[in-house]
Amino acid sequence: MKDKNTPDVAWKFWQESKQALDELGDLMQQLATFITVDHPIPPPPGIVRQIKRDMANFQEKFTLLVREQKRRAER
């Protein structure tokens, strides 16, 4: 049985966390294309729905990652 503090576990958690943050960064980039200081353009409704779904997905993934990390730390 591997120790909970092995580099493999920490590396996997880091990779999953980075992936979740990268996905969030992509969402923010999409939003930035519609928001400008001079001429804000309302994003199309389909994009807004997709961004909301992606944001909820990000929140769920990140919450699960944090819970798993806490669970492993308690062992």
PDB file of N, CA and C in Angstrom:
ATOM      1  N   MET A   1       0.834  -1.190   0.000  1.00  0.00           N
ATOM      2  CA  MET A   1       0.000   0.000   0.000  1.00  0.00           C
ATOM      3  C   MET A   1       0.877   1.250   0.000  1.00  0.00           C
ATOM      4  N   LYS A   2       0.522   2.190  -0.848  1.00  0.00           N
ATOM      5  CA  LYS A   2       1.305   3.415  -0.926  1.00  0.00           C
ATOM      6  C   LYS A   2       0.929   4.367   0.186  1.00  0.00           C
ATOM      7  N   ASP A   3       1.913   5.110   0.616  1.00  0.00           N
ATOM      8  CA  ASP A   3       1.692   6.161   1.615  1.00  0.00           C
ATOM      9  C   ASP A   3       0.891   7.287   0.965  1.00  0.00           C
ATOM     10  N   LYS A   4       0.016   7.922   1.751  1.00  0.00           N
ATOM     11  CA  LYS A   4      -0.832   8.996   1.214  1.00  0.00           C
ATOM     12  C   LYS A   4      -0.035  10.205   0.758  1.00  0.00           C
ATOM     13  N   ASN A   5       1.181  10.330   1.213  1.00  0.00           N
ATOM     14  CA  ASN A   5       1.989  11.498   0.878  1.00  0.00           C
ATOM     15  C   ASN A   5       3.004  11.204  -0.217  1.00  0.00           C
ATOM     16  N   THR A   6       2.778  10.141  -0.991  1.00  0.00           N
ATOM     17  CA  THR A   6       3.724   9.816  -2.050  1.00  0.00           C
ATOM     18  C   THR A   6       3.699  10.886  -3.124  1.00  0.00           C
ATOM     19  N   PRO A   7       4.799  11.040  -3.812  1.00  0.00           N
ATOM     20  CA  PRO A   7       4.834  12.021  -4.902  1.00  0.00           C
ATOM     21  C   PRO A   7       3.789  11.729  -5.981  1.00  0.00           C
ATOM     22  N   ASP A   8       3.467  10.436  -6.205  1.00  0.00           N
ATOM     23  CA  ASP A   8       2.467  10.088  -7.224  1.00  0.00           C
ATOM     24  C   ASP A   8       1.110  10.708  -6.910  1.00  0.00           C
ATOM     25  N   VAL A   9       0.687  10.633  -5.657  1.00  0.00           N
ATOM     26  CA  VAL A   9      -0.614  11.171  -5.251  1.00  0.00           C
ATOM     27  C   VAL A   9      -0.613  12.690  -5.385  1.00  0.00           C
ATOM     28  N   ALA A  10       0.440  13.317  -4.908  1.00  0.00           N
ATOM     29  CA  ALA A  10       0.538  14.779  -4.987  1.00  0.00           C
ATOM     30  C   ALA A  10       0.579  15.233  -6.446  1.00  0.00           C
ATOM     31  N   TRP A  11       1.317  14.508  -7.280  1.00  0.00           N
ATOM     32  CA  TRP A  11       1.431  14.862  -8.695  1.00  0.00           C
ATOM     33  C   TRP A  11       0.073  14.741  -9.385  1.00  0.00           C
ATOM     34  N   LYS A  12      -0.652  13.652  -9.105  1.00  0.00           N
ATOM     35  CA  LYS A  12      -1.974  13.444  -9.708  1.00  0.00           C
ATOM     36  C   LYS A  12      -2.926  14.554  -9.281  1.00  0.00           C
ATOM     37  N   PHE A  13      -2.913  14.910  -8.001  1.00  0.00           N
ATOM     38  CA  PHE A  13      -3.780  15.976  -7.519  1.00  0.00           C
ATOM     39  C   PHE A  13      -3.419  17.296  -8.189  1.00  0.00           C
ATOM     40  N   TRP A  14      -2.135  17.559  -8.321  1.00  0.00           N
ATOM     41  CA  TRP A  14      -1.691  18.796  -8.970  1.00  0.00           C
ATOM     42  C   TRP A  14      -2.154  18.828 -10.418  1.00  0.00           C
ATOM     43  N   GLN A  15      -2.015  17.714 -11.125  1.00  0.00           N
ATOM     44  CA  GLN A  15      -2.429  17.666 -12.530  1.00  0.00           C
ATOM     45  C   GLN A  15      -3.929  17.917 -12.668  1.00  0.00           C
ATOM     46  N   GLU A  16      -4.730  17.277 -11.820  1.00  0.00           N
ATOM     47  CA  GLU A  16      -6.174  17.454 -11.889  1.00  0.00           C
ATOM     48  C   GLU A  16      -6.573  18.884 -11.519  1.00  0.00           C
ATOM     49  N   SER A  17      -5.903  19.450 -10.544  1.00  0.00           N
ATOM     50  CA  SER A  17      -6.180  20.832 -10.154  1.00  0.00           C
ATOM     51  C   SER A  17      -5.820  21.787 -11.286  1.00  0.00           C
ATOM     52  N   LYS A  18      -4.672  21.555 -11.903  1.00  0.00           N
ATOM     53  CA  LYS A  18      -4.233  22.410 -13.008  1.00  0.00           C
ATOM     54  C   LYS A  18      -5.192  22.303 -14.175  1.00  0.00           C
ATOM     55  N   GLN A  19      -5.675  21.097 -14.462  1.00  0.00           N
ATOM     56  CA  GLN A  19      -6.629  20.933 -15.551  1.00  0.00           C
ATOM     57  C   GLN A  19      -7.910  21.726 -15.266  1.00  0.00           C
ATOM     58  N   ALA A  20      -8.392  21.653 -14.038  1.00  0.00           N
ATOM     59  CA  ALA A  20      -9.605  22.386 -13.669  1.00  0.00           C
ATOM     60  C   ALA A  20      -9.374  23.890 -13.805  1.00  0.00           C
ATOM     61  N   LEU A  21      -8.225  24.365 -13.380  1.00  0.00           N
ATOM     62  CA  LEU A  21      -7.925  25.798 -13.489  1.00  0.00           C
ATOM     63  C   LEU A  21      -7.744  26.222 -14.941  1.00  0.00           C
ATOM     64  N   ASP A  22      -7.152  25.348 -15.747  1.00  0.00           N
ATOM     65  CA  ASP A  22      -7.008  25.651 -17.171  1.00  0.00           C
ATOM     66  C   ASP A  22      -8.377  25.782 -17.837  1.00  0.00           C
ATOM     67  N   GLU A  23      -9.298  24.886 -17.467  1.00  0.00           N
ATOM     68  CA  GLU A  23     -10.651  24.955 -18.013  1.00  0.00           C
ATOM     69  C   GLU A  23     -11.328  26.262 -17.592  1.00  0.00           C
ATOM     70  N   LEU A  24     -11.127  26.669 -16.352  1.00  0.00           N
ATOM     71  CA  LEU A  24     -11.689  27.928 -15.893  1.00  0.00           C
ATOM     72  C   LEU A  24     -11.071  29.099 -16.660  1.00  0.00           C
ATOM     73  N   GLY A  25      -9.782  29.038 -16.890  1.00  0.00           N
ATOM     74  CA  GLY A  25      -9.111  30.079 -17.670  1.00  0.00           C
ATOM     75  C   GLY A  25      -9.675  30.184 -19.081  1.00  0.00           C
ATOM     76  N   ASP A  26      -9.986  29.039 -19.683  1.00  0.00           N
ATOM     77  CA  ASP A  26     -10.587  29.040 -21.014  1.00  0.00           C
ATOM     78  C   ASP A  26     -11.951  29.738 -20.991  1.00  0.00           C
ATOM     79  N   LEU A  27     -12.721  29.462 -19.948  1.00  0.00           N
ATOM     80  CA  LEU A  27     -14.024  30.119 -19.807  1.00  0.00           C
ATOM     81  C   LEU A  27     -13.866  31.626 -19.688  1.00  0.00           C
ATOM     82  N   MET A  28     -12.922  32.039 -18.875  1.00  0.00           N
ATOM     83  CA  MET A  28     -12.706  33.470 -18.684  1.00  0.00           C
ATOM     84  C   MET A  28     -12.262  34.123 -19.998  1.00  0.00           C
ATOM     85  N   GLN A  29     -11.483  33.398 -20.791  1.00  0.00           N
ATOM     86  CA  GLN A  29     -11.049  33.919 -22.088  1.00  0.00           C
ATOM     87  C   GLN A  29     -12.243  34.087 -23.019  1.00  0.00           C
ATOM     88  N   GLN A  30     -13.165  33.122 -22.992  1.00  0.00           N
ATOM     89  CA  GLN A  30     -14.373  33.239 -23.805  1.00  0.00           C
ATOM     90  C   GLN A  30     -15.169  34.474 -23.401  1.00  0.00           C
ATOM     91  N   LEU A  31     -15.328  34.667 -22.106  1.00  0.00           N
ATOM     92  CA  LEU A  31     -16.070  35.833 -21.629  1.00  0.00           C
ATOM     93  C   LEU A  31     -15.367  37.127 -22.016  1.00  0.00           C
ATOM     94  N   ALA A  32     -14.057  37.128 -21.957  1.00  0.00           N
ATOM     95  CA  ALA A  32     -13.290  38.338 -22.262  1.00  0.00           C
ATOM     96  C   ALA A  32     -13.485  38.774 -23.705  1.00  0.00           C
ATOM     97  N   THR A  33     -13.787  37.840 -24.597  1.00  0.00           N
ATOM     98  CA  THR A  33     -13.993  38.229 -25.995  1.00  0.00           C
ATOM     99  C   THR A  33     -15.262  39.052 -26.166  1.00  0.00           C
ATOM    100  N   PHE A  34     -16.201  38.930 -25.233  1.00  0.00           N
ATOM    101  CA  PHE A  34     -17.452  39.665 -25.331  1.00  0.00           C
ATOM    102  C   PHE A  34     -17.454  40.946 -24.502  1.00  0.00           C
ATOM    103  N   ILE A  35     -16.579  41.025 -23.537  1.00  0.00           N
ATOM    104  CA  ILE A  35     -16.586  42.167 -22.632  1.00  0.00           C
ATOM    105  C   ILE A  35     -15.418  43.090 -22.980  1.00  0.00           C
ATOM    106  N   THR A  36     -15.747  44.268 -23.404  1.00  0.00           N
ATOM    107  CA  THR A  36     -14.726  45.274 -23.654  1.00  0.00           C
ATOM    108  C   THR A  36     -15.154  46.554 -22.952  1.00  0.00           C
ATOM    109  N   VAL A  37     -14.234  47.418 -22.695  1.00  0.00           N
ATOM    110  CA  VAL A  37     -14.537  48.654 -21.991  1.00  0.00           C
ATOM    111  C   VAL A  37     -15.358  49.602 -22.873  1.00  0.00           C
ATOM    112  N   ASP A  38     -14.966  49.732 -24.121  1.00  0.00           N
ATOM    113  CA  ASP A  38     -15.609  50.702 -25.007  1.00  0.00           C
ATOM    114  C   ASP A  38     -16.960  50.240 -25.552  1.00  0.00           C
ATOM    115  N   HIS A  39     -17.015  49.009 -26.014  1.00  0.00           N
ATOM    116  CA  HIS A  39     -18.227  48.513 -26.668  1.00  0.00           C
ATOM    117  C   HIS A  39     -18.550  47.096 -26.204  1.00  0.00           C
ATOM    118  N   PRO A  40     -19.212  46.978 -25.058  1.00  0.00           N
ATOM    119  CA  PRO A  40     -19.556  45.624 -24.616  1.00  0.00           C
ATOM    120  C   PRO A  40     -20.563  44.983 -25.571  1.00  0.00           C
ATOM    121  N   ILE A  41     -20.291  43.764 -25.932  1.00  0.00           N
ATOM    122  CA  ILE A  41     -21.175  43.016 -26.820  1.00  0.00           C
ATOM    123  C   ILE A  41     -21.812  41.906 -25.997  1.00  0.00           C
ATOM    124  N   PRO A  42     -23.135  41.881 -25.933  1.00  0.00           N
ATOM    125  CA  PRO A  42     -23.754  40.800 -25.164  1.00  0.00           C
ATOM    126  C   PRO A  42     -23.474  39.453 -25.838  1.00  0.00           C
ATOM    127  N   PRO A  43     -23.015  38.482 -25.075  1.00  0.00           N
ATOM    128  CA  PRO A  43     -22.751  37.173 -25.682  1.00  0.00           C
ATOM    129  C   PRO A  43     -24.056  36.502 -26.099  1.00  0.00           C
ATOM    130  N   PRO A  44     -23.997  35.678 -27.122  1.00  0.00           N
ATOM    131  CA  PRO A  44     -25.195  34.956 -27.550  1.00  0.00           C
ATOM    132  C   PRO A  44     -25.713  34.053 -26.429  1.00  0.00           C
ATOM    133  N   PRO A  45     -27.034  33.849 -26.349  1.00  0.00           N
ATOM    134  CA  PRO A  45     -27.609  33.028 -25.271  1.00  0.00           C
ATOM    135  C   PRO A  45     -27.013  31.620 -25.195  1.00  0.00           C
ATOM    136  N   GLY A  46     -26.715  31.028 -26.334  1.00  0.00           N
ATOM    137  CA  GLY A  46     -26.126  29.680 -26.327  1.00  0.00           C
ATOM    138  C   GLY A  46     -24.766  29.651 -25.631  1.00  0.00           C
ATOM    139  N   ILE A  47     -23.977  30.687 -25.859  1.00  0.00           N
ATOM    140  CA  ILE A  47     -22.666  30.783 -25.218  1.00  0.00           C
ATOM    141  C   ILE A  47     -22.834  30.958 -23.715  1.00  0.00           C
ATOM    142  N   VAL A  48     -23.791  31.779 -23.314  1.00  0.00           N
ATOM    143  CA  VAL A  48     -24.030  32.020 -21.888  1.00  0.00           C
ATOM    144  C   VAL A  48     -24.420  30.713 -21.200  1.00  0.00           C
ATOM    145  N   ARG A  49     -25.328  29.948 -21.810  1.00  0.00           N
ATOM    146  CA  ARG A  49     -25.727  28.657 -21.225  1.00  0.00           C
ATOM    147  C   ARG A  49     -24.532  27.710 -21.129  1.00  0.00           C
ATOM    148  N   GLN A  50     -23.721  27.672 -22.189  1.00  0.00           N
ATOM    149  CA  GLN A  50     -22.551  26.776 -22.174  1.00  0.00           C
ATOM    150  C   GLN A  50     -21.565  27.199 -21.092  1.00  0.00           C
ATOM    151  N   ILE A  51     -21.354  28.485 -20.945  1.00  0.00           N
ATOM    152  CA  ILE A  51     -20.426  28.974 -19.923  1.00  0.00           C
ATOM    153  C   ILE A  51     -20.953  28.626 -18.531  1.00  0.00           C
ATOM    154  N   LYS A  52     -22.264  28.774 -18.325  1.00  0.00           N
ATOM    155  CA  LYS A  52     -22.844  28.407 -17.028  1.00  0.00           C
ATOM    156  C   LYS A  52     -22.664  26.922 -16.745  1.00  0.00           C
ATOM    157  N   ARG A  53     -22.889  26.092 -17.766  1.00  0.00           N
ATOM    158  CA  ARG A  53     -22.683  24.644 -17.585  1.00  0.00           C
ATOM    159  C   ARG A  53     -21.225  24.329 -17.289  1.00  0.00           C
ATOM    160  N   ASP A  54     -20.324  24.955 -18.056  1.00  0.00           N
ATOM    161  CA  ASP A  54     -18.897  24.709 -17.851  1.00  0.00           C
ATOM    162  C   ASP A  54     -18.444  25.183 -16.469  1.00  0.00           C
ATOM    163  N   MET A  55     -18.992  26.316 -16.022  1.00  0.00           N
ATOM    164  CA  MET A  55     -18.634  26.841 -14.706  1.00  0.00           C
ATOM    165  C   MET A  55     -19.121  25.903 -13.609  1.00  0.00           C
ATOM    166  N   ALA A  56     -20.341  25.399 -13.740  1.00  0.00           N
ATOM    167  CA  ALA A  56     -20.864  24.449 -12.759  1.00  0.00           C
ATOM    168  C   ALA A  56     -20.031  23.174 -12.763  1.00  0.00           C
ATOM    169  N   ASN A  57     -19.620  22.735 -13.950  1.00  0.00           N
ATOM    170  CA  ASN A  57     -18.779  21.551 -14.069  1.00  0.00           C
ATOM    171  C   ASN A  57     -17.428  21.783 -13.390  1.00  0.00           C
ATOM    172  N   PHE A  58     -16.847  22.963 -13.612  1.00  0.00           N
ATOM    173  CA  PHE A  58     -15.582  23.298 -12.961  1.00  0.00           C
ATOM    174  C   PHE A  58     -15.730  23.269 -11.440  1.00  0.00           C
ATOM    175  N   GLN A  59     -16.782  23.898 -10.937  1.00  0.00           N
ATOM    176  CA  GLN A  59     -16.992  23.942  -9.489  1.00  0.00           C
ATOM    177  C   GLN A  59     -17.139  22.534  -8.916  1.00  0.00           C
ATOM    178  N   GLU A  60     -17.887  21.692  -9.610  1.00  0.00           N
ATOM    179  CA  GLU A  60     -18.082  20.323  -9.136  1.00  0.00           C
ATOM    180  C   GLU A  60     -16.765  19.555  -9.120  1.00  0.00           C
ATOM    181  N   LYS A  61     -15.995  19.650 -10.215  1.00  0.00           N
ATOM    182  CA  LYS A  61     -14.710  18.953 -10.294  1.00  0.00           C
ATOM    183  C   LYS A  61     -13.763  19.429  -9.198  1.00  0.00           C
ATOM    184  N   PHE A  62     -13.682  20.737  -9.026  1.00  0.00           N
ATOM    185  CA  PHE A  62     -12.738  21.268  -8.047  1.00  0.00           C
ATOM    186  C   PHE A  62     -13.148  20.875  -6.629  1.00  0.00           C
ATOM    187  N   THR A  63     -14.452  20.894  -6.346  1.00  0.00           N
ATOM    188  CA  THR A  63     -14.940  20.467  -5.031  1.00  0.00           C
ATOM    189  C   THR A  63     -14.587  19.009  -4.780  1.00  0.00           C
ATOM    190  N   LEU A  64     -14.779  18.171  -5.785  1.00  0.00           N
ATOM    191  CA  LEU A  64     -14.442  16.758  -5.640  1.00  0.00           C
ATOM    192  C   LEU A  64     -12.937  16.564  -5.419  1.00  0.00           C
ATOM    193  N   LEU A  65     -12.129  17.345  -6.124  1.00  0.00           N
ATOM    194  CA  LEU A  65     -10.683  17.254  -5.935  1.00  0.00           C
ATOM    195  C   LEU A  65     -10.289  17.611  -4.506  1.00  0.00           C
ATOM    196  N   VAL A  66     -10.869  18.688  -3.997  1.00  0.00           N
ATOM    197  CA  VAL A  66     -10.538  19.127  -2.638  1.00  0.00           C
ATOM    198  C   VAL A  66     -11.000  18.091  -1.613  1.00  0.00           C
ATOM    199  N   ARG A  67     -12.209  17.563  -1.793  1.00  0.00           N
ATOM    200  CA  ARG A  67     -12.707  16.535  -0.864  1.00  0.00           C
ATOM    201  C   ARG A  67     -11.813  15.314  -0.854  1.00  0.00           C
ATOM    202  N   GLU A  68     -11.387  14.884  -2.046  1.00  0.00           N
ATOM    203  CA  GLU A  68     -10.516  13.701  -2.139  1.00  0.00           C
ATOM    204  C   GLU A  68      -9.179  13.973  -1.457  1.00  0.00           C
ATOM    205  N   GLN A  69      -8.640  15.149  -1.666  1.00  0.00           N
ATOM    206  CA  GLN A  69      -7.361  15.491  -1.040  1.00  0.00           C
ATOM    207  C   GLN A  69      -7.501  15.500   0.485  1.00  0.00           C
ATOM    208  N   LYS A  70      -8.601  16.070   0.987  1.00  0.00           N
ATOM    209  CA  LYS A  70      -8.827  16.089   2.440  1.00  0.00           C
ATOM    210  C   LYS A  70      -9.002  14.678   2.970  1.00  0.00           C
ATOM    211  N   ARG A  71      -9.733  13.842   2.217  1.00  0.00           N
ATOM    212  CA  ARG A  71      -9.952  12.457   2.649  1.00  0.00           C
ATOM    213  C   ARG A  71      -8.630  11.717   2.737  1.00  0.00           C
ATOM    214  N   ARG A  72      -7.773  11.925   1.744  1.00  0.00           N
ATOM    215  CA  ARG A  72      -6.464  11.251   1.770  1.00  0.00           C
ATOM    216  C   ARG A  72      -5.599  11.781   2.915  1.00  0.00           C
ATOM    217  N   ALA A  73      -5.733  13.063   3.216  1.00  0.00           N
ATOM    218  CA  ALA A  73      -4.924  13.647   4.291  1.00  0.00           C
ATOM    219  C   ALA A  73      -5.349  13.118   5.655  1.00  0.00           C
ATOM    220  N   GLU A  74      -6.617  12.727   5.789  1.00  0.00           N
ATOM    221  CA  GLU A  74      -7.124  12.227   7.063  1.00  0.00           C
ATOM    222  C   GLU A  74      -6.726  10.784   7.347  1.00  0.00           C
ATOM    223  N   ARG A  75      -6.336  10.061   6.319  1.00  0.00           N
ATOM    224  CA  ARG A  75      -5.953   8.656   6.517  1.00  0.00           C
ATOM    225  C   ARG A  75      -4.693   8.516   7.296  1.00  0.00           C
TER     226      ARG A  75
END
